[in-house]
Amino acid sequence: MAEFMNVGKIVNTHGIRGEVRIMPLTDFPEVRFAKNAELFFFTPDNHPVMVNVESARLHKNMYILRLKEYGNINEVEKFKGGMAKVLKENLAELEENEYYFHQIVGCAVITDEGETLGTISEILTPGANDVWVVKTPAGKEILLPVIDDVVLDVDVDQQQVKVHLMEGLL
């Protein structure tokens, strides 16, 4: 079965000409919502429909998409509250040392001294750098800043991250 990755939440319709308002959930909105881009819109009851982007514009941190297949608000109403997704095999190629959130969450975290800290449970994006939330076996949470001084090595295939604990992190 095809696997999909979320690229946006369909928040609402926009105007009467069948446009939709999407909150982007991707690092590559300019690729995902480009003219002629192929997306799968999932209705809130999880029914997928393939759509093609006619045009997109950024408006107040949201993307307003016009779709080739739809020209009327009544036709896109069913997508409200649903998700915009792409096929997993269509994920953008990443540069070296770049990762998708789904590749990082669940990775084991080991210090450069060989101590196992726990597993990455979520990723926070507060500002200058991401923060990985590591859940310890005891259930505590450790917040690791994703900076070169801390994150030494990421092995997505082995599901393992090696880190250096700077003073004051724990």
N, C-alpha and C. Protein backbone atom coordinates (compact mmCIF):
# COMPACT_ATOMS: atom_id res chain seq x y z
N MET A 1 0.83 -1.19 0.00
CA MET A 1 0.00 0.00 0.00
C MET A 1 0.87 1.25 0.00
N ALA A 2 0.40 2.29 -0.66
CA ALA A 2 1.16 3.54 -0.73
C ALA A 2 1.27 4.18 0.65
N GLU A 3 2.44 4.73 0.92
CA GLU A 3 2.63 5.46 2.18
C GLU A 3 2.65 6.94 1.89
N PHE A 4 2.01 7.72 2.76
CA PHE A 4 1.91 9.16 2.56
C PHE A 4 2.57 9.91 3.71
N MET A 5 3.03 11.12 3.42
CA MET A 5 3.59 12.00 4.44
C MET A 5 2.80 13.31 4.42
N ASN A 6 2.47 13.83 5.59
CA ASN A 6 1.74 15.09 5.69
C ASN A 6 2.60 16.25 5.22
N VAL A 7 2.01 17.15 4.44
CA VAL A 7 2.71 18.39 4.08
C VAL A 7 1.89 19.62 4.48
N GLY A 8 0.64 19.42 4.88
CA GLY A 8 -0.16 20.56 5.31
C GLY A 8 -1.51 20.13 5.85
N LYS A 9 -2.07 21.00 6.68
CA LYS A 9 -3.43 20.78 7.20
C LYS A 9 -4.37 21.70 6.45
N ILE A 10 -5.45 21.14 5.94
CA ILE A 10 -6.43 21.93 5.19
C ILE A 10 -7.34 22.60 6.22
N VAL A 11 -7.07 23.86 6.46
CA VAL A 11 -7.72 24.57 7.57
C VAL A 11 -9.13 25.04 7.20
N ASN A 12 -9.27 25.53 5.95
CA ASN A 12 -10.56 26.10 5.58
C ASN A 12 -10.62 26.29 4.07
N THR A 13 -11.80 26.68 3.60
CA THR A 13 -11.92 27.11 2.22
C THR A 13 -11.56 28.59 2.18
N HIS A 14 -11.38 29.14 0.99
CA HIS A 14 -11.04 30.56 0.86
C HIS A 14 -11.80 31.11 -0.34
N GLY A 15 -12.68 32.06 -0.08
CA GLY A 15 -13.46 32.64 -1.17
C GLY A 15 -14.45 31.64 -1.73
N ILE A 16 -15.01 31.98 -2.91
CA ILE A 16 -16.06 31.12 -3.48
C ILE A 16 -15.57 30.34 -4.69
N ARG A 17 -14.30 30.54 -5.10
CA ARG A 17 -13.81 29.92 -6.33
C ARG A 17 -13.07 28.60 -6.09
N GLY A 18 -13.30 27.97 -4.94
CA GLY A 18 -12.74 26.64 -4.72
C GLY A 18 -11.32 26.62 -4.20
N GLU A 19 -10.85 27.75 -3.67
CA GLU A 19 -9.51 27.76 -3.09
C GLU A 19 -9.56 27.20 -1.67
N VAL A 20 -8.42 26.67 -1.22
CA VAL A 20 -8.34 26.15 0.14
C VAL A 20 -7.18 26.83 0.86
N ARG A 21 -7.33 26.96 2.17
CA ARG A 21 -6.30 27.55 3.02
C ARG A 21 -5.58 26.41 3.73
N ILE A 22 -4.25 26.36 3.58
CA ILE A 22 -3.47 25.26 4.13
C ILE A 22 -2.40 25.78 5.08
N MET A 23 -2.33 25.15 6.27
CA MET A 23 -1.24 25.43 7.19
C MET A 23 -0.11 24.47 6.84
N PRO A 24 1.04 25.00 6.38
CA PRO A 24 2.12 24.10 5.94
C PRO A 24 2.73 23.32 7.10
N LEU A 25 3.00 22.02 6.86
CA LEU A 25 3.66 21.16 7.83
C LEU A 25 4.89 20.56 7.14
N THR A 26 5.60 21.40 6.40
CA THR A 26 6.73 20.93 5.61
C THR A 26 7.82 21.99 5.63
N ASP A 27 9.07 21.54 5.49
CA ASP A 27 10.19 22.48 5.36
C ASP A 27 10.31 22.99 3.93
N PHE A 28 9.53 22.42 3.00
CA PHE A 28 9.65 22.78 1.59
C PHE A 28 8.32 23.23 0.99
N PRO A 29 7.66 24.24 1.60
CA PRO A 29 6.35 24.63 1.06
C PRO A 29 6.44 25.15 -0.38
N GLU A 30 7.57 25.77 -0.73
CA GLU A 30 7.70 26.32 -2.09
C GLU A 30 7.78 25.20 -3.13
N VAL A 31 8.19 24.00 -2.70
CA VAL A 31 8.20 22.83 -3.59
C VAL A 31 6.83 22.15 -3.57
N ARG A 32 6.32 21.93 -2.38
CA ARG A 32 5.05 21.19 -2.21
C ARG A 32 3.86 21.89 -2.85
N PHE A 33 3.83 23.23 -2.76
CA PHE A 33 2.67 23.98 -3.22
C PHE A 33 2.97 24.74 -4.51
N ALA A 34 3.98 24.31 -5.25
CA ALA A 34 4.33 24.95 -6.52
C ALA A 34 3.29 24.65 -7.59
N LYS A 35 3.23 25.49 -8.61
CA LYS A 35 2.32 25.25 -9.73
C LYS A 35 2.60 23.86 -10.30
N ASN A 36 1.53 23.12 -10.59
CA ASN A 36 1.58 21.76 -11.14
C ASN A 36 1.99 20.68 -10.14
N ALA A 37 2.25 21.04 -8.88
CA ALA A 37 2.60 20.03 -7.88
C ALA A 37 1.41 19.08 -7.69
N GLU A 38 1.73 17.81 -7.47
CA GLU A 38 0.70 16.80 -7.26
C GLU A 38 0.60 16.53 -5.77
N LEU A 39 -0.61 16.66 -5.24
CA LEU A 39 -0.86 16.42 -3.82
C LEU A 39 -2.01 15.42 -3.68
N PHE A 40 -2.10 14.84 -2.51
CA PHE A 40 -3.26 14.02 -2.17
C PHE A 40 -3.97 14.72 -1.03
N PHE A 41 -5.23 15.09 -1.26
CA PHE A 41 -6.03 15.69 -0.20
C PHE A 41 -6.81 14.56 0.45
N PHE A 42 -6.68 14.48 1.77
CA PHE A 42 -7.44 13.49 2.53
C PHE A 42 -8.58 14.21 3.23
N THR A 43 -9.79 13.74 3.00
CA THR A 43 -10.94 14.31 3.70
C THR A 43 -10.82 13.91 5.18
N PRO A 44 -11.51 14.61 6.08
CA PRO A 44 -11.42 14.26 7.51
C PRO A 44 -11.73 12.79 7.79
N ASP A 45 -12.54 12.14 6.94
CA ASP A 45 -12.80 10.71 7.14
C ASP A 45 -11.77 9.83 6.41
N ASN A 46 -10.65 10.44 6.02
CA ASN A 46 -9.48 9.75 5.47
C ASN A 46 -9.64 9.19 4.05
N HIS A 47 -10.44 9.85 3.25
CA HIS A 47 -10.61 9.45 1.85
C HIS A 47 -9.67 10.29 0.97
N PRO A 48 -8.69 9.64 0.27
CA PRO A 48 -7.72 10.41 -0.52
C PRO A 48 -8.24 10.79 -1.91
N VAL A 49 -7.91 12.01 -2.35
CA VAL A 49 -8.23 12.49 -3.69
C VAL A 49 -6.97 13.17 -4.23
N MET A 50 -6.55 12.76 -5.45
CA MET A 50 -5.37 13.39 -6.03
C MET A 50 -5.76 14.74 -6.63
N VAL A 51 -4.95 15.77 -6.34
CA VAL A 51 -5.21 17.11 -6.86
C VAL A 51 -3.91 17.69 -7.43
N ASN A 52 -4.06 18.68 -8.30
CA ASN A 52 -2.91 19.37 -8.87
C ASN A 52 -3.03 20.86 -8.57
N VAL A 53 -1.92 21.45 -8.15
CA VAL A 53 -1.91 22.87 -7.78
C VAL A 53 -1.92 23.73 -9.03
N GLU A 54 -2.91 24.60 -9.14
CA GLU A 54 -2.98 25.58 -10.21
C GLU A 54 -2.12 26.79 -9.84
N SER A 55 -2.29 27.26 -8.59
CA SER A 55 -1.49 28.38 -8.10
C SER A 55 -1.53 28.38 -6.58
N ALA A 56 -0.54 29.05 -5.97
CA ALA A 56 -0.48 29.14 -4.52
C ALA A 56 0.11 30.48 -4.14
N ARG A 57 -0.37 31.01 -3.02
CA ARG A 57 0.22 32.25 -2.52
C ARG A 57 0.25 32.19 -1.00
N LEU A 58 1.27 32.82 -0.43
CA LEU A 58 1.41 32.86 1.02
C LEU A 58 0.58 34.00 1.56
N HIS A 59 -0.21 33.73 2.60
CA HIS A 59 -1.06 34.75 3.20
C HIS A 59 -1.14 34.50 4.69
N LYS A 60 -0.54 35.36 5.50
CA LYS A 60 -0.57 35.24 6.97
C LYS A 60 -0.15 33.84 7.43
N ASN A 61 1.03 33.39 7.03
CA ASN A 61 1.59 32.08 7.41
C ASN A 61 0.82 30.88 6.89
N MET A 62 -0.17 31.11 6.04
CA MET A 62 -0.93 30.03 5.42
C MET A 62 -0.72 30.10 3.91
N TYR A 63 -0.93 28.98 3.25
CA TYR A 63 -0.91 28.97 1.80
C TYR A 63 -2.33 28.88 1.29
N ILE A 64 -2.66 29.74 0.32
CA ILE A 64 -3.96 29.69 -0.35
C ILE A 64 -3.70 28.96 -1.67
N LEU A 65 -4.33 27.81 -1.83
CA LEU A 65 -4.12 27.00 -3.03
C LEU A 65 -5.35 27.02 -3.91
N ARG A 66 -5.10 27.23 -5.20
CA ARG A 66 -6.15 27.02 -6.21
C ARG A 66 -5.80 25.72 -6.91
N LEU A 67 -6.78 24.85 -7.04
CA LEU A 67 -6.55 23.52 -7.61
C LEU A 67 -7.13 23.45 -9.02
N LYS A 68 -6.44 22.72 -9.90
CA LYS A 68 -6.90 22.59 -11.29
C LYS A 68 -8.26 21.90 -11.36
N GLU A 69 -8.50 20.97 -10.44
CA GLU A 69 -9.71 20.14 -10.51
C GLU A 69 -10.98 20.83 -9.98
N TYR A 70 -10.81 21.90 -9.20
CA TYR A 70 -11.98 22.49 -8.53
C TYR A 70 -12.06 23.99 -8.77
N GLY A 71 -13.29 24.48 -8.99
CA GLY A 71 -13.46 25.91 -9.22
C GLY A 71 -14.58 26.50 -8.39
N ASN A 72 -15.04 25.75 -7.39
CA ASN A 72 -16.21 26.20 -6.64
C ASN A 72 -16.07 25.79 -5.18
N ILE A 73 -16.47 26.68 -4.28
CA ILE A 73 -16.36 26.42 -2.83
C ILE A 73 -17.08 25.13 -2.44
N ASN A 74 -18.21 24.82 -3.08
CA ASN A 74 -18.98 23.63 -2.71
C ASN A 74 -18.22 22.34 -2.98
N GLU A 75 -17.31 22.37 -3.98
CA GLU A 75 -16.56 21.17 -4.33
C GLU A 75 -15.41 20.88 -3.35
N VAL A 76 -14.89 21.92 -2.68
CA VAL A 76 -13.73 21.73 -1.79
C VAL A 76 -14.11 21.73 -0.31
N GLU A 77 -15.36 22.02 -0.03
CA GLU A 77 -15.86 22.05 1.35
C GLU A 77 -15.54 20.74 2.09
N LYS A 78 -15.62 19.61 1.36
CA LYS A 78 -15.41 18.28 1.97
C LYS A 78 -14.00 18.08 2.51
N PHE A 79 -13.03 18.90 2.04
CA PHE A 79 -11.64 18.73 2.48
C PHE A 79 -11.33 19.46 3.79
N LYS A 80 -12.24 20.38 4.18
CA LYS A 80 -12.00 21.19 5.37
C LYS A 80 -11.72 20.30 6.58
N GLY A 81 -10.59 20.55 7.26
CA GLY A 81 -10.22 19.75 8.41
C GLY A 81 -9.39 18.53 8.04
N GLY A 82 -9.17 18.33 6.75
CA GLY A 82 -8.39 17.18 6.28
C GLY A 82 -6.91 17.51 6.17
N MET A 83 -6.17 16.63 5.50
CA MET A 83 -4.72 16.80 5.37
C MET A 83 -4.31 16.80 3.90
N ALA A 84 -3.26 17.56 3.61
CA ALA A 84 -2.61 17.51 2.30
C ALA A 84 -1.36 16.64 2.48
N LYS A 85 -1.20 15.65 1.60
CA LYS A 85 -0.08 14.72 1.74
C LYS A 85 0.60 14.50 0.39
N VAL A 86 1.81 13.94 0.47
CA VAL A 86 2.51 13.50 -0.74
C VAL A 86 2.88 12.04 -0.54
N LEU A 87 3.11 11.36 -1.65
CA LEU A 87 3.58 9.98 -1.55
C LEU A 87 4.96 9.99 -0.94
N LYS A 88 5.22 9.04 -0.06
CA LYS A 88 6.50 8.99 0.64
C LYS A 88 7.68 8.96 -0.33
N GLU A 89 7.51 8.26 -1.48
CA GLU A 89 8.64 8.21 -2.42
C GLU A 89 8.88 9.55 -3.12
N ASN A 90 7.96 10.50 -2.97
CA ASN A 90 8.15 11.83 -3.56
C ASN A 90 8.73 12.83 -2.58
N LEU A 91 9.24 12.35 -1.45
CA LEU A 91 9.86 13.27 -0.50
C LEU A 91 11.04 13.95 -1.17
N ALA A 92 11.24 15.21 -0.83
CA ALA A 92 12.36 15.97 -1.41
C ALA A 92 13.68 15.34 -0.95
N GLU A 93 14.66 15.35 -1.83
CA GLU A 93 15.99 14.88 -1.45
C GLU A 93 16.59 15.89 -0.48
N LEU A 94 17.14 15.39 0.60
CA LEU A 94 17.72 16.29 1.59
C LEU A 94 19.23 16.38 1.40
N GLU A 95 19.78 17.51 1.84
CA GLU A 95 21.22 17.67 1.86
C GLU A 95 21.80 16.72 2.90
N GLU A 96 23.10 16.51 2.85
CA GLU A 96 23.76 15.72 3.89
C GLU A 96 23.52 16.42 5.23
N ASN A 97 23.34 15.65 6.28
CA ASN A 97 23.07 16.18 7.63
C ASN A 97 21.73 16.89 7.74
N GLU A 98 20.78 16.57 6.88
CA GLU A 98 19.41 17.05 7.03
C GLU A 98 18.52 15.81 7.14
N TYR A 99 17.48 15.92 7.96
CA TYR A 99 16.63 14.76 8.22
C TYR A 99 15.19 15.19 8.31
N TYR A 100 14.30 14.25 8.02
CA TYR A 100 12.88 14.48 8.25
C TYR A 100 12.56 14.15 9.70
N PHE A 101 11.58 14.85 10.25
CA PHE A 101 11.16 14.62 11.64
C PHE A 101 10.89 13.14 11.87
N HIS A 102 10.18 12.49 10.91
CA HIS A 102 9.80 11.08 11.12
C HIS A 102 11.01 10.16 11.18
N GLN A 103 12.16 10.63 10.67
CA GLN A 103 13.37 9.80 10.73
C GLN A 103 14.06 9.93 12.08
N ILE A 104 13.85 11.05 12.77
CA ILE A 104 14.54 11.34 14.03
C ILE A 104 13.75 10.82 15.23
N VAL A 105 12.42 11.03 15.20
CA VAL A 105 11.59 10.57 16.32
C VAL A 105 11.69 9.05 16.42
N GLY A 106 11.99 8.57 17.62
CA GLY A 106 12.15 7.14 17.85
C GLY A 106 13.61 6.69 17.88
N CYS A 107 14.53 7.58 17.51
CA CYS A 107 15.95 7.22 17.55
C CYS A 107 16.44 7.13 19.00
N ALA A 108 17.34 6.19 19.24
CA ALA A 108 17.99 6.07 20.55
C ALA A 108 19.06 7.16 20.64
N VAL A 109 19.24 7.72 21.84
CA VAL A 109 20.24 8.76 22.04
C VAL A 109 21.32 8.24 22.98
N ILE A 110 22.58 8.31 22.50
CA ILE A 110 23.72 7.79 23.24
C ILE A 110 24.75 8.90 23.37
N THR A 111 25.35 9.02 24.55
CA THR A 111 26.36 10.06 24.72
C THR A 111 27.68 9.59 24.12
N ASP A 112 28.60 10.53 23.94
CA ASP A 112 29.93 10.19 23.41
C ASP A 112 30.72 9.35 24.41
N GLU A 113 30.18 9.21 25.64
CA GLU A 113 30.83 8.36 26.63
C GLU A 113 30.14 6.99 26.70
N GLY A 114 29.20 6.73 25.78
CA GLY A 114 28.58 5.41 25.70
C GLY A 114 27.35 5.22 26.57
N GLU A 115 26.89 6.27 27.24
CA GLU A 115 25.71 6.15 28.10
C GLU A 115 24.44 6.33 27.26
N THR A 116 23.46 5.44 27.47
CA THR A 116 22.19 5.57 26.77
C THR A 116 21.30 6.53 27.54
N LEU A 117 20.86 7.61 26.86
CA LEU A 117 20.01 8.61 27.52
C LEU A 117 18.53 8.27 27.41
N GLY A 118 18.12 7.75 26.26
CA GLY A 118 16.70 7.46 26.04
C GLY A 118 16.38 7.53 24.56
N THR A 119 15.13 7.88 24.27
CA THR A 119 14.63 7.89 22.89
C THR A 119 14.03 9.25 22.58
N ILE A 120 14.25 9.72 21.35
CA ILE A 120 13.67 11.01 20.94
C ILE A 120 12.17 10.83 20.78
N SER A 121 11.39 11.61 21.56
CA SER A 121 9.93 11.45 21.52
C SER A 121 9.25 12.53 20.70
N GLU A 122 9.87 13.71 20.61
CA GLU A 122 9.28 14.76 19.78
C GLU A 122 10.33 15.80 19.44
N ILE A 123 9.98 16.67 18.49
CA ILE A 123 10.89 17.72 18.06
C ILE A 123 10.17 19.05 18.23
N LEU A 124 10.82 19.96 18.94
CA LEU A 124 10.27 21.30 19.14
C LEU A 124 11.00 22.26 18.20
N THR A 125 10.28 23.24 17.68
CA THR A 125 10.92 24.22 16.79
C THR A 125 10.67 25.63 17.33
N PRO A 126 11.31 25.94 18.48
CA PRO A 126 11.04 27.22 19.13
C PRO A 126 11.64 28.43 18.43
N GLY A 127 12.70 28.26 17.66
CA GLY A 127 13.29 29.44 17.04
C GLY A 127 14.60 29.15 16.35
N ALA A 128 15.69 29.65 16.93
CA ALA A 128 17.00 29.59 16.28
C ALA A 128 17.41 28.17 15.90
N ASN A 129 17.18 27.21 16.78
CA ASN A 129 17.48 25.82 16.45
C ASN A 129 16.39 24.92 17.01
N ASP A 130 16.27 23.75 16.38
CA ASP A 130 15.30 22.77 16.88
C ASP A 130 15.77 22.23 18.23
N VAL A 131 14.83 21.65 18.96
CA VAL A 131 15.14 21.01 20.24
C VAL A 131 14.53 19.61 20.19
N TRP A 132 15.37 18.60 20.46
CA TRP A 132 14.89 17.23 20.51
C TRP A 132 14.52 16.89 21.94
N VAL A 133 13.32 16.35 22.15
CA VAL A 133 12.87 15.92 23.46
C VAL A 133 13.22 14.44 23.59
N VAL A 134 14.08 14.12 24.57
CA VAL A 134 14.51 12.74 24.80
C VAL A 134 13.82 12.21 26.04
N LYS A 135 13.10 11.11 25.87
CA LYS A 135 12.42 10.48 27.00
C LYS A 135 13.35 9.40 27.56
N THR A 136 13.68 9.53 28.85
CA THR A 136 14.57 8.56 29.49
C THR A 136 13.78 7.32 29.89
N PRO A 137 14.46 6.19 30.14
CA PRO A 137 13.74 5.00 30.60
C PRO A 137 12.93 5.27 31.87
N ALA A 138 13.39 6.21 32.70
CA ALA A 138 12.68 6.54 33.95
C ALA A 138 11.49 7.47 33.69
N GLY A 139 11.30 7.88 32.42
CA GLY A 139 10.14 8.71 32.10
C GLY A 139 10.41 10.21 32.16
N LYS A 140 11.64 10.60 32.47
CA LYS A 140 11.98 12.02 32.49
C LYS A 140 12.18 12.51 31.06
N GLU A 141 12.14 13.84 30.88
CA GLU A 141 12.40 14.41 29.57
C GLU A 141 13.65 15.26 29.61
N ILE A 142 14.53 15.05 28.64
CA ILE A 142 15.74 15.85 28.50
C ILE A 142 15.59 16.65 27.21
N LEU A 143 15.85 17.94 27.27
CA LEU A 143 15.76 18.78 26.08
C LEU A 143 17.16 18.98 25.51
N LEU A 144 17.36 18.53 24.26
CA LEU A 144 18.67 18.66 23.62
C LEU A 144 18.60 19.68 22.49
N PRO A 145 19.39 20.75 22.57
CA PRO A 145 19.42 21.69 21.44
C PRO A 145 20.11 21.03 20.25
N VAL A 146 19.54 21.19 19.07
CA VAL A 146 20.13 20.60 17.87
C VAL A 146 21.15 21.58 17.31
N ILE A 147 22.36 21.50 17.90
CA ILE A 147 23.48 22.34 17.46
C ILE A 147 24.71 21.44 17.30
N ASP A 148 25.69 21.89 16.53
CA ASP A 148 26.86 21.08 16.23
C ASP A 148 27.63 20.65 17.48
N ASP A 149 27.65 21.50 18.52
CA ASP A 149 28.38 21.16 19.75
C ASP A 149 27.75 20.00 20.50
N VAL A 150 26.44 19.77 20.28
CA VAL A 150 25.72 18.74 21.01
C VAL A 150 25.51 17.48 20.16
N VAL A 151 24.95 17.65 18.97
CA VAL A 151 24.65 16.50 18.11
C VAL A 151 25.90 16.16 17.29
N LEU A 152 26.52 15.02 17.61
CA LEU A 152 27.76 14.63 16.95
C LEU A 152 27.51 13.78 15.71
N ASP A 153 26.56 12.85 15.80
CA ASP A 153 26.33 11.95 14.69
C ASP A 153 24.89 11.47 14.69
N VAL A 154 24.29 11.43 13.50
CA VAL A 154 22.93 10.92 13.35
C VAL A 154 23.00 9.77 12.36
N ASP A 155 22.61 8.58 12.82
CA ASP A 155 22.59 7.40 11.95
C ASP A 155 21.13 6.95 11.82
N VAL A 156 20.47 7.43 10.76
CA VAL A 156 19.05 7.16 10.58
C VAL A 156 18.81 5.66 10.36
N ASP A 157 19.72 5.00 9.64
CA ASP A 157 19.55 3.57 9.37
C ASP A 157 19.60 2.76 10.66
N GLN A 158 20.52 3.10 11.55
CA GLN A 158 20.65 2.40 12.83
C GLN A 158 19.71 2.95 13.90
N GLN A 159 18.96 4.03 13.55
CA GLN A 159 18.04 4.67 14.51
C GLN A 159 18.78 5.09 15.77
N GLN A 160 19.94 5.74 15.58
CA GLN A 160 20.77 6.10 16.72
C GLN A 160 21.38 7.49 16.52
N VAL A 161 21.39 8.25 17.60
CA VAL A 161 21.97 9.59 17.59
C VAL A 161 23.04 9.65 18.67
N LYS A 162 24.23 10.14 18.30
CA LYS A 162 25.30 10.30 19.29
C LYS A 162 25.40 11.79 19.65
N VAL A 163 25.42 12.05 20.96
CA VAL A 163 25.45 13.45 21.42
C VAL A 163 26.57 13.67 22.43
N HIS A 164 26.95 14.94 22.54
CA HIS A 164 27.90 15.36 23.56
C HIS A 164 27.11 16.22 24.56
N LEU A 165 27.13 15.79 25.84
CA LEU A 165 26.40 16.56 26.84
C LEU A 165 27.27 17.71 27.33
N MET A 166 26.89 18.92 26.92
CA MET A 166 27.62 20.10 27.41
C MET A 166 27.23 20.31 28.87
N GLU A 167 28.11 20.98 29.60
CA GLU A 167 27.83 21.23 31.01
C GLU A 167 26.52 21.98 31.16
N GLY A 168 25.71 21.53 32.12
CA GLY A 168 24.44 22.21 32.40
C GLY A 168 23.25 21.70 31.59
N LEU A 169 23.45 20.74 30.69
CA LEU A 169 22.32 20.25 29.88
C LEU A 169 21.38 19.36 30.66
N LEU A 170 21.91 18.59 31.61
CA LEU A 170 21.03 17.66 32.34
C LEU A 170 20.47 18.29 33.60
